[in-house]
Amino acid sequence: MNEILNALKTRRSCRSFKPDMLPQEIIDRICEAGTYAATGMNRQSPVIVAIKDKQVRDRLAEINAKIMGKENFDPFYGAPVVLFVLADTGCPTYQYDGTLVMGNLMLAAHALGIGSCWIHRAKEESFDPEVKAILEKAGITENYEGIGHCVIGYPADAPREAPPRKEGYVRQLG
C-alpha cells in the first residue's frame, strides 16, 4: 500500500509519552512538514511555536488544565514537546489553515515513529495574559489565535488499532 495512505490509516493519537526529549532534528522535520500544509491562497497564515522548555511546557499545561476545569492533571499526557499552532486572524481561512498544519504535524510524527496528539483549548489559552507574554517572546502578536497543540514524544505504549469506520461515512451522488 502507498506509504501516505498507510500512514493515514494507521496514525493514532498517543496519550502516554516517555519523558525523553526528542532530538532537535526530529522536531525540525515534524515542524517542516507542518509548514507544507495547504493554506488558503498560499497565505501561510499559521505559525508553529515549538516549546521544549520544561518550565514553559508545564505552565502551559497548568493553564490548559485550568481552562478544562481540572487540577493536578497533565492535558499533554507527559509529552516533552508542545507544538503550539496559531494563525493570523487577518486571514479569512486562518482556522482551516491551522487545522491542516495540525494534520501534517501528526502525520509527520507518525511517519517518523513519534507519538502525537491534538490537544484543544489553544484558542482560549491564546487570550490568557500569561500565555500572551510567553508567545510574545516568540514574536507572536495580538493578531494570532491558537488553533491547537500538537504534543509529540516517544510513545510509552503501543498504538491501538483503528476502530472500524462508521456505516455511511462516505455518501455518493451521481
N, C-alpha and C. Protein backbone atom coordinates (compact mmCIF):
# COMPACT_ATOMS: atom_id res chain seq x y z
N MET A 1 0.85 -1.18 0.00
CA MET A 1 0.00 0.00 0.00
C MET A 1 0.90 1.24 0.00
N ASN A 2 0.45 2.27 -0.63
CA ASN A 2 1.18 3.53 -0.66
C ASN A 2 1.48 3.98 0.76
N GLU A 3 2.69 4.48 1.01
CA GLU A 3 3.12 4.88 2.36
C GLU A 3 2.22 5.96 2.96
N ILE A 4 1.81 6.92 2.15
CA ILE A 4 0.97 8.00 2.67
C ILE A 4 -0.40 7.46 3.06
N LEU A 5 -0.99 6.64 2.21
CA LEU A 5 -2.30 6.07 2.55
C LEU A 5 -2.19 5.19 3.79
N ASN A 6 -1.11 4.45 3.91
CA ASN A 6 -0.90 3.61 5.09
C ASN A 6 -0.79 4.48 6.35
N ALA A 7 -0.04 5.57 6.27
CA ALA A 7 0.11 6.47 7.42
C ALA A 7 -1.24 7.05 7.83
N LEU A 8 -2.06 7.42 6.84
CA LEU A 8 -3.39 7.96 7.14
C LEU A 8 -4.25 6.95 7.89
N LYS A 9 -4.10 5.68 7.53
CA LYS A 9 -4.92 4.65 8.15
C LYS A 9 -4.38 4.16 9.49
N THR A 10 -3.10 4.29 9.73
CA THR A 10 -2.51 3.71 10.94
C THR A 10 -2.16 4.73 12.02
N ARG A 11 -2.21 6.02 11.74
CA ARG A 11 -1.90 7.02 12.76
C ARG A 11 -2.98 7.03 13.84
N ARG A 12 -2.55 7.01 15.07
CA ARG A 12 -3.47 7.07 16.21
C ARG A 12 -2.97 8.12 17.18
N SER A 13 -3.83 8.68 17.94
CA SER A 13 -3.43 9.63 18.97
C SER A 13 -2.73 8.90 20.11
N CYS A 14 -1.67 9.50 20.61
CA CYS A 14 -0.90 8.94 21.72
C CYS A 14 -1.25 9.71 22.98
N ARG A 15 -1.60 8.99 24.04
CA ARG A 15 -1.96 9.65 25.29
C ARG A 15 -1.12 9.15 26.47
N SER A 16 0.08 8.68 26.13
CA SER A 16 1.03 8.25 27.15
C SER A 16 2.42 8.33 26.55
N PHE A 17 3.22 9.28 27.05
CA PHE A 17 4.53 9.53 26.47
C PHE A 17 5.65 9.24 27.46
N LYS A 18 6.79 8.86 26.93
CA LYS A 18 8.01 8.76 27.73
C LYS A 18 8.52 10.18 27.94
N PRO A 19 9.23 10.43 29.05
CA PRO A 19 9.70 11.80 29.32
C PRO A 19 10.92 12.22 28.49
N ASP A 20 11.53 11.31 27.75
CA ASP A 20 12.75 11.61 26.99
C ASP A 20 12.52 12.69 25.94
N MET A 21 13.43 13.66 25.91
CA MET A 21 13.35 14.74 24.92
C MET A 21 13.68 14.18 23.54
N LEU A 22 12.97 14.67 22.54
CA LEU A 22 13.24 14.29 21.15
C LEU A 22 14.47 15.04 20.65
N PRO A 23 15.23 14.43 19.74
CA PRO A 23 16.34 15.16 19.11
C PRO A 23 15.80 16.35 18.31
N GLN A 24 16.56 17.44 18.29
CA GLN A 24 16.14 18.64 17.57
C GLN A 24 15.86 18.34 16.10
N GLU A 25 16.62 17.44 15.50
CA GLU A 25 16.42 17.10 14.09
C GLU A 25 15.02 16.54 13.84
N ILE A 26 14.53 15.73 14.76
CA ILE A 26 13.19 15.15 14.62
C ILE A 26 12.13 16.25 14.76
N ILE A 27 12.29 17.11 15.76
CA ILE A 27 11.35 18.22 15.94
C ILE A 27 11.32 19.10 14.69
N ASP A 28 12.51 19.39 14.15
CA ASP A 28 12.60 20.23 12.95
C ASP A 28 11.90 19.58 11.76
N ARG A 29 12.08 18.28 11.61
CA ARG A 29 11.45 17.58 10.47
C ARG A 29 9.93 17.60 10.58
N ILE A 30 9.42 17.40 11.79
CA ILE A 30 7.98 17.43 12.01
C ILE A 30 7.44 18.84 11.74
N CYS A 31 8.11 19.84 12.27
CA CYS A 31 7.68 21.23 12.05
C CYS A 31 7.73 21.60 10.57
N GLU A 32 8.78 21.16 9.89
CA GLU A 32 8.88 21.46 8.46
C GLU A 32 7.69 20.89 7.70
N ALA A 33 7.27 19.69 8.06
CA ALA A 33 6.10 19.09 7.40
C ALA A 33 4.87 19.96 7.63
N GLY A 34 4.77 20.55 8.82
CA GLY A 34 3.64 21.44 9.11
C GLY A 34 3.62 22.65 8.21
N THR A 35 4.81 23.13 7.85
CA THR A 35 4.88 24.33 7.00
C THR A 35 4.45 24.06 5.57
N TYR A 36 4.32 22.80 5.20
CA TYR A 36 3.90 22.46 3.84
C TYR A 36 2.41 22.14 3.74
N ALA A 37 1.67 22.43 4.81
CA ALA A 37 0.22 22.23 4.75
C ALA A 37 -0.38 23.23 3.76
N ALA A 38 -1.44 22.81 3.13
CA ALA A 38 -2.16 23.72 2.23
C ALA A 38 -2.74 24.86 3.05
N THR A 39 -2.69 26.07 2.49
CA THR A 39 -3.30 27.23 3.14
C THR A 39 -4.06 28.02 2.08
N GLY A 40 -5.11 28.70 2.52
CA GLY A 40 -5.92 29.49 1.60
C GLY A 40 -5.08 30.52 0.85
N MET A 41 -5.13 30.45 -0.47
CA MET A 41 -4.42 31.36 -1.35
C MET A 41 -2.91 31.42 -1.05
N ASN A 42 -2.39 30.34 -0.45
CA ASN A 42 -0.99 30.22 -0.07
C ASN A 42 -0.54 31.38 0.83
N ARG A 43 -1.43 31.88 1.65
CA ARG A 43 -1.09 32.98 2.55
C ARG A 43 -0.23 32.54 3.73
N GLN A 44 -0.23 31.24 4.00
CA GLN A 44 0.60 30.69 5.08
C GLN A 44 0.36 31.43 6.39
N SER A 45 -0.91 31.53 6.77
CA SER A 45 -1.28 32.28 7.98
C SER A 45 -0.82 31.64 9.30
N PRO A 46 -0.60 30.33 9.38
CA PRO A 46 -0.21 29.75 10.67
C PRO A 46 1.27 29.96 11.02
N VAL A 47 1.54 29.82 12.30
CA VAL A 47 2.90 29.73 12.83
C VAL A 47 2.92 28.56 13.81
N ILE A 48 4.09 27.99 13.98
CA ILE A 48 4.28 26.88 14.92
C ILE A 48 5.31 27.33 15.94
N VAL A 49 4.94 27.28 17.21
CA VAL A 49 5.88 27.59 18.27
C VAL A 49 6.24 26.26 18.94
N ALA A 50 7.48 25.84 18.78
CA ALA A 50 7.95 24.59 19.38
C ALA A 50 8.41 24.87 20.81
N ILE A 51 7.71 24.29 21.75
CA ILE A 51 8.01 24.51 23.17
C ILE A 51 8.68 23.27 23.74
N LYS A 52 9.96 23.41 24.07
CA LYS A 52 10.75 22.33 24.65
C LYS A 52 11.13 22.62 26.10
N ASP A 53 11.10 23.89 26.47
CA ASP A 53 11.45 24.30 27.82
C ASP A 53 10.44 23.70 28.80
N LYS A 54 10.93 22.87 29.72
CA LYS A 54 10.03 22.14 30.62
C LYS A 54 9.20 23.06 31.49
N GLN A 55 9.77 24.16 31.99
CA GLN A 55 9.00 25.08 32.83
C GLN A 55 7.87 25.74 32.05
N VAL A 56 8.16 26.15 30.82
CA VAL A 56 7.13 26.78 29.98
C VAL A 56 6.07 25.74 29.63
N ARG A 57 6.52 24.54 29.26
CA ARG A 57 5.60 23.46 28.90
C ARG A 57 4.67 23.14 30.07
N ASP A 58 5.25 23.02 31.27
CA ASP A 58 4.46 22.68 32.45
C ASP A 58 3.48 23.79 32.82
N ARG A 59 3.89 25.04 32.67
CA ARG A 59 2.99 26.16 32.97
C ARG A 59 1.84 26.20 31.97
N LEU A 60 2.16 25.96 30.72
CA LEU A 60 1.12 25.91 29.69
C LEU A 60 0.13 24.78 29.99
N ALA A 61 0.64 23.64 30.46
CA ALA A 61 -0.23 22.52 30.83
C ALA A 61 -1.15 22.91 31.98
N GLU A 62 -0.62 23.64 32.97
CA GLU A 62 -1.44 24.08 34.10
C GLU A 62 -2.57 25.00 33.63
N ILE A 63 -2.24 25.93 32.76
CA ILE A 63 -3.24 26.87 32.25
C ILE A 63 -4.28 26.11 31.43
N ASN A 64 -3.84 25.17 30.62
CA ASN A 64 -4.75 24.37 29.80
C ASN A 64 -5.69 23.56 30.70
N ALA A 65 -5.14 22.94 31.74
CA ALA A 65 -5.95 22.14 32.66
C ALA A 65 -6.97 23.01 33.39
N LYS A 66 -6.56 24.22 33.75
CA LYS A 66 -7.48 25.14 34.43
C LYS A 66 -8.65 25.50 33.52
N ILE A 67 -8.37 25.77 32.25
CA ILE A 67 -9.43 26.06 31.28
C ILE A 67 -10.37 24.86 31.17
N MET A 68 -9.79 23.67 31.26
CA MET A 68 -10.54 22.41 31.17
C MET A 68 -11.37 22.16 32.44
N GLY A 69 -11.03 22.87 33.52
CA GLY A 69 -11.74 22.68 34.77
C GLY A 69 -11.16 21.57 35.62
N LYS A 70 -9.89 21.24 35.41
CA LYS A 70 -9.24 20.17 36.16
C LYS A 70 -8.00 20.69 36.86
N GLU A 71 -7.69 20.09 37.99
CA GLU A 71 -6.46 20.40 38.71
C GLU A 71 -5.63 19.12 38.79
N ASN A 72 -4.34 19.29 38.94
CA ASN A 72 -3.43 18.16 39.07
C ASN A 72 -3.61 17.16 37.92
N PHE A 73 -3.73 17.68 36.72
CA PHE A 73 -3.91 16.86 35.52
C PHE A 73 -3.01 17.43 34.43
N ASP A 74 -2.32 16.54 33.73
CA ASP A 74 -1.49 16.97 32.61
C ASP A 74 -2.23 16.72 31.31
N PRO A 75 -2.82 17.75 30.72
CA PRO A 75 -3.55 17.56 29.47
C PRO A 75 -2.64 17.22 28.29
N PHE A 76 -1.31 17.32 28.50
CA PHE A 76 -0.35 17.00 27.44
C PHE A 76 0.18 15.58 27.59
N TYR A 77 -0.37 14.81 28.54
CA TYR A 77 -0.07 13.39 28.71
C TYR A 77 1.42 13.08 28.86
N GLY A 78 2.17 14.01 29.42
CA GLY A 78 3.60 13.76 29.64
C GLY A 78 4.48 14.01 28.44
N ALA A 79 3.93 14.44 27.32
CA ALA A 79 4.75 14.70 26.13
C ALA A 79 5.76 15.79 26.44
N PRO A 80 7.01 15.60 26.05
CA PRO A 80 8.04 16.60 26.37
C PRO A 80 8.03 17.83 25.46
N VAL A 81 7.36 17.74 24.30
CA VAL A 81 7.36 18.84 23.33
C VAL A 81 5.92 19.20 22.98
N VAL A 82 5.66 20.50 22.98
CA VAL A 82 4.35 21.02 22.57
C VAL A 82 4.57 21.90 21.35
N LEU A 83 3.92 21.56 20.27
CA LEU A 83 3.95 22.40 19.06
C LEU A 83 2.65 23.20 19.08
N PHE A 84 2.76 24.46 19.45
CA PHE A 84 1.61 25.35 19.61
C PHE A 84 1.36 25.98 18.24
N VAL A 85 0.24 25.63 17.62
CA VAL A 85 -0.10 26.16 16.30
C VAL A 85 -1.08 27.31 16.48
N LEU A 86 -0.70 28.45 15.92
CA LEU A 86 -1.53 29.65 15.93
C LEU A 86 -1.67 30.13 14.50
N ALA A 87 -2.65 30.97 14.25
CA ALA A 87 -2.80 31.51 12.90
C ALA A 87 -3.27 32.96 12.97
N ASP A 88 -2.89 33.70 11.95
CA ASP A 88 -3.20 35.12 11.84
C ASP A 88 -4.67 35.30 11.52
N THR A 89 -5.39 35.93 12.45
CA THR A 89 -6.84 36.10 12.28
C THR A 89 -7.20 37.07 11.16
N GLY A 90 -6.22 37.77 10.63
CA GLY A 90 -6.47 38.66 9.50
C GLY A 90 -6.68 37.91 8.19
N CYS A 91 -6.40 36.65 8.20
CA CYS A 91 -6.60 35.82 7.00
C CYS A 91 -7.95 35.11 7.12
N PRO A 92 -8.82 35.22 6.11
CA PRO A 92 -10.16 34.63 6.24
C PRO A 92 -10.18 33.11 6.41
N THR A 93 -9.09 32.43 6.04
CA THR A 93 -9.06 30.97 6.15
C THR A 93 -8.17 30.49 7.30
N TYR A 94 -7.87 31.36 8.26
CA TYR A 94 -6.87 31.03 9.29
C TYR A 94 -7.19 29.76 10.07
N GLN A 95 -8.45 29.53 10.42
CA GLN A 95 -8.79 28.33 11.20
C GLN A 95 -8.56 27.07 10.39
N TYR A 96 -8.92 27.10 9.12
CA TYR A 96 -8.72 25.93 8.26
C TYR A 96 -7.24 25.71 8.01
N ASP A 97 -6.53 26.79 7.79
CA ASP A 97 -5.08 26.69 7.54
C ASP A 97 -4.38 26.03 8.73
N GLY A 98 -4.69 26.51 9.93
CA GLY A 98 -4.07 25.95 11.13
C GLY A 98 -4.45 24.50 11.35
N THR A 99 -5.68 24.15 11.01
CA THR A 99 -6.13 22.76 11.16
C THR A 99 -5.34 21.84 10.23
N LEU A 100 -5.09 22.29 9.01
CA LEU A 100 -4.29 21.47 8.09
C LEU A 100 -2.86 21.33 8.58
N VAL A 101 -2.31 22.38 9.19
CA VAL A 101 -0.97 22.28 9.77
C VAL A 101 -0.96 21.20 10.85
N MET A 102 -1.97 21.21 11.71
CA MET A 102 -2.05 20.20 12.77
C MET A 102 -2.05 18.79 12.18
N GLY A 103 -2.83 18.58 11.12
CA GLY A 103 -2.86 17.26 10.48
C GLY A 103 -1.50 16.85 9.95
N ASN A 104 -0.82 17.79 9.29
CA ASN A 104 0.52 17.48 8.77
C ASN A 104 1.48 17.13 9.90
N LEU A 105 1.42 17.87 11.00
CA LEU A 105 2.32 17.60 12.13
C LEU A 105 2.12 16.19 12.67
N MET A 106 0.86 15.80 12.84
CA MET A 106 0.58 14.47 13.39
C MET A 106 0.99 13.36 12.43
N LEU A 107 0.75 13.56 11.14
CA LEU A 107 1.16 12.55 10.16
C LEU A 107 2.68 12.45 10.04
N ALA A 108 3.37 13.58 10.09
CA ALA A 108 4.83 13.57 10.03
C ALA A 108 5.40 12.86 11.25
N ALA A 109 4.85 13.15 12.42
CA ALA A 109 5.31 12.47 13.63
C ALA A 109 5.15 10.96 13.48
N HIS A 110 4.00 10.55 13.04
CA HIS A 110 3.73 9.11 12.86
C HIS A 110 4.72 8.49 11.87
N ALA A 111 4.99 9.17 10.78
CA ALA A 111 5.92 8.66 9.76
C ALA A 111 7.32 8.47 10.33
N LEU A 112 7.66 9.24 11.37
CA LEU A 112 8.99 9.15 11.99
C LEU A 112 8.99 8.28 13.25
N GLY A 113 7.87 7.61 13.53
CA GLY A 113 7.80 6.73 14.70
C GLY A 113 7.60 7.48 16.00
N ILE A 114 7.11 8.71 15.92
CA ILE A 114 6.91 9.56 17.10
C ILE A 114 5.41 9.65 17.38
N GLY A 115 5.06 9.60 18.66
CA GLY A 115 3.66 9.72 19.05
C GLY A 115 3.22 11.18 19.02
N SER A 116 1.94 11.39 18.79
CA SER A 116 1.38 12.74 18.77
C SER A 116 -0.08 12.71 19.20
N CYS A 117 -0.56 13.88 19.59
CA CYS A 117 -1.97 14.02 19.94
C CYS A 117 -2.36 15.48 19.79
N TRP A 118 -3.53 15.74 19.27
CA TRP A 118 -4.08 17.10 19.17
C TRP A 118 -4.71 17.42 20.52
N ILE A 119 -4.26 18.51 21.12
CA ILE A 119 -4.81 18.96 22.40
C ILE A 119 -5.53 20.29 22.16
N HIS A 120 -6.76 20.35 22.61
CA HIS A 120 -7.58 21.54 22.41
C HIS A 120 -7.33 22.61 23.47
N ARG A 121 -8.09 23.65 23.43
CA ARG A 121 -8.06 24.81 24.32
C ARG A 121 -6.95 25.80 23.99
N ALA A 122 -6.30 25.63 22.84
CA ALA A 122 -5.26 26.58 22.42
C ALA A 122 -5.85 27.96 22.16
N LYS A 123 -7.07 27.99 21.64
CA LYS A 123 -7.73 29.28 21.38
C LYS A 123 -7.91 30.05 22.68
N GLU A 124 -8.48 29.38 23.68
CA GLU A 124 -8.70 30.03 24.97
C GLU A 124 -7.37 30.46 25.59
N GLU A 125 -6.37 29.61 25.48
CA GLU A 125 -5.05 29.94 26.03
C GLU A 125 -4.47 31.19 25.40
N SER A 126 -4.69 31.35 24.10
CA SER A 126 -4.07 32.48 23.40
C SER A 126 -4.61 33.83 23.87
N PHE A 127 -5.70 33.84 24.64
CA PHE A 127 -6.24 35.08 25.20
C PHE A 127 -5.77 35.31 26.64
N ASP A 128 -5.12 34.32 27.23
CA ASP A 128 -4.63 34.42 28.61
C ASP A 128 -3.41 35.35 28.65
N PRO A 129 -3.38 36.34 29.56
CA PRO A 129 -2.26 37.29 29.60
C PRO A 129 -0.89 36.62 29.79
N GLU A 130 -0.83 35.58 30.60
CA GLU A 130 0.45 34.89 30.82
C GLU A 130 0.91 34.17 29.55
N VAL A 131 -0.03 33.56 28.86
CA VAL A 131 0.31 32.87 27.60
C VAL A 131 0.70 33.90 26.55
N LYS A 132 0.00 35.02 26.52
CA LYS A 132 0.37 36.10 25.58
C LYS A 132 1.82 36.53 25.80
N ALA A 133 2.22 36.64 27.05
CA ALA A 133 3.60 37.04 27.37
C ALA A 133 4.59 35.98 26.89
N ILE A 134 4.24 34.73 27.04
CA ILE A 134 5.10 33.63 26.56
C ILE A 134 5.22 33.72 25.04
N LEU A 135 4.10 33.92 24.37
CA LEU A 135 4.10 33.97 22.91
C LEU A 135 4.83 35.19 22.37
N GLU A 136 4.77 36.28 23.10
CA GLU A 136 5.49 37.49 22.68
C GLU A 136 6.99 37.23 22.58
N LYS A 137 7.51 36.36 23.45
CA LYS A 137 8.93 36.01 23.40
C LYS A 137 9.28 35.32 22.09
N ALA A 138 8.28 34.69 21.45
CA ALA A 138 8.48 34.03 20.16
C ALA A 138 8.06 34.94 19.00
N GLY A 139 7.75 36.21 19.30
CA GLY A 139 7.38 37.16 18.26
C GLY A 139 5.94 37.07 17.80
N ILE A 140 5.09 36.44 18.59
CA ILE A 140 3.68 36.29 18.23
C ILE A 140 2.91 37.51 18.73
N THR A 141 2.15 38.13 17.85
CA THR A 141 1.42 39.35 18.17
C THR A 141 -0.04 39.08 18.49
N GLU A 142 -0.75 40.14 18.76
CA GLU A 142 -2.18 40.07 19.08
C GLU A 142 -3.02 39.48 17.95
N ASN A 143 -2.54 39.54 16.73
CA ASN A 143 -3.34 39.08 15.58
C ASN A 143 -3.45 37.57 15.49
N TYR A 144 -2.75 36.84 16.36
CA TYR A 144 -2.74 35.38 16.26
C TYR A 144 -3.65 34.75 17.30
N GLU A 145 -4.31 33.68 16.85
CA GLU A 145 -5.21 32.93 17.72
C GLU A 145 -4.78 31.47 17.71
N GLY A 146 -4.83 30.85 18.88
CA GLY A 146 -4.45 29.44 18.98
C GLY A 146 -5.42 28.54 18.22
N ILE A 147 -4.86 27.59 17.51
CA ILE A 147 -5.65 26.60 16.77
C ILE A 147 -5.62 25.26 17.51
N GLY A 148 -4.45 24.85 17.92
CA GLY A 148 -4.30 23.58 18.63
C GLY A 148 -2.88 23.38 19.08
N HIS A 149 -2.72 22.39 19.96
CA HIS A 149 -1.39 21.96 20.39
C HIS A 149 -1.18 20.57 19.83
N CYS A 150 -0.07 20.36 19.16
CA CYS A 150 0.31 19.02 18.75
C CYS A 150 1.41 18.60 19.72
N VAL A 151 1.07 17.74 20.66
CA VAL A 151 2.08 17.26 21.60
C VAL A 151 2.78 16.07 20.96
N ILE A 152 4.11 16.02 21.10
CA ILE A 152 4.89 14.95 20.47
C ILE A 152 5.92 14.40 21.45
N GLY A 153 6.24 13.13 21.24
CA GLY A 153 7.24 12.46 22.05
C GLY A 153 7.27 10.98 21.72
N TYR A 154 8.14 10.28 22.42
CA TYR A 154 8.21 8.83 22.23
C TYR A 154 7.01 8.20 22.94
N PRO A 155 6.26 7.35 22.24
CA PRO A 155 5.10 6.71 22.88
C PRO A 155 5.54 5.77 24.00
N ALA A 156 4.79 5.80 25.10
CA ALA A 156 5.05 4.88 26.22
C ALA A 156 4.38 3.53 25.97
N ASP A 157 3.37 3.52 25.15
CA ASP A 157 2.61 2.30 24.87
C ASP A 157 2.49 2.10 23.36
N ALA A 158 2.23 0.86 22.97
CA ALA A 158 2.00 0.56 21.55
C ALA A 158 0.66 1.17 21.14
N PRO A 159 0.58 1.70 19.91
CA PRO A 159 -0.69 2.29 19.47
C PRO A 159 -1.77 1.22 19.28
N ARG A 160 -2.99 1.63 19.49
CA ARG A 160 -4.13 0.74 19.27
C ARG A 160 -4.44 0.69 17.78
N GLU A 161 -5.14 -0.34 17.39
CA GLU A 161 -5.60 -0.42 16.00
C GLU A 161 -6.78 0.53 15.83
N ALA A 162 -6.94 1.00 14.62
CA ALA A 162 -8.06 1.88 14.31
C ALA A 162 -9.36 1.11 14.42
N PRO A 163 -10.37 1.70 15.05
CA PRO A 163 -11.68 1.04 15.06
C PRO A 163 -12.28 1.06 13.66
N PRO A 164 -13.24 0.20 13.40
CA PRO A 164 -13.88 0.22 12.08
C PRO A 164 -14.51 1.58 11.82
N ARG A 165 -14.57 1.97 10.56
CA ARG A 165 -15.21 3.23 10.18
C ARG A 165 -16.72 3.05 10.25
N LYS A 166 -17.41 4.13 10.63
CA LYS A 166 -18.86 4.06 10.80
C LYS A 166 -19.56 3.81 9.47
N GLU A 167 -20.71 3.22 9.55
CA GLU A 167 -21.56 2.98 8.40
C GLU A 167 -22.03 4.31 7.84
N GLY A 168 -21.98 4.48 6.55
CA GLY A 168 -22.47 5.70 5.91
C GLY A 168 -21.51 6.87 6.00
N TYR A 169 -20.25 6.63 6.35
CA TYR A 169 -19.27 7.72 6.45
C TYR A 169 -19.13 8.43 5.10
N VAL A 170 -19.10 7.66 4.02
CA VAL A 170 -18.98 8.22 2.67
C VAL A 170 -20.31 8.04 1.97
N ARG A 171 -20.80 9.07 1.37
CA ARG A 171 -22.05 9.01 0.62
C ARG A 171 -21.77 9.47 -0.80
N GLN A 172 -22.49 8.94 -1.74
CA GLN A 172 -22.23 9.23 -3.16
C GLN A 172 -23.48 9.77 -3.83
N LEU A 173 -23.25 10.71 -4.69
CA LEU A 173 -24.32 11.22 -5.56
C LEU A 173 -23.79 11.13 -6.99
N GLY A 174 -24.57 10.57 -7.85
CA GLY A 174 -24.17 10.52 -9.26
C GLY A 174 -23.27 9.38 -9.63
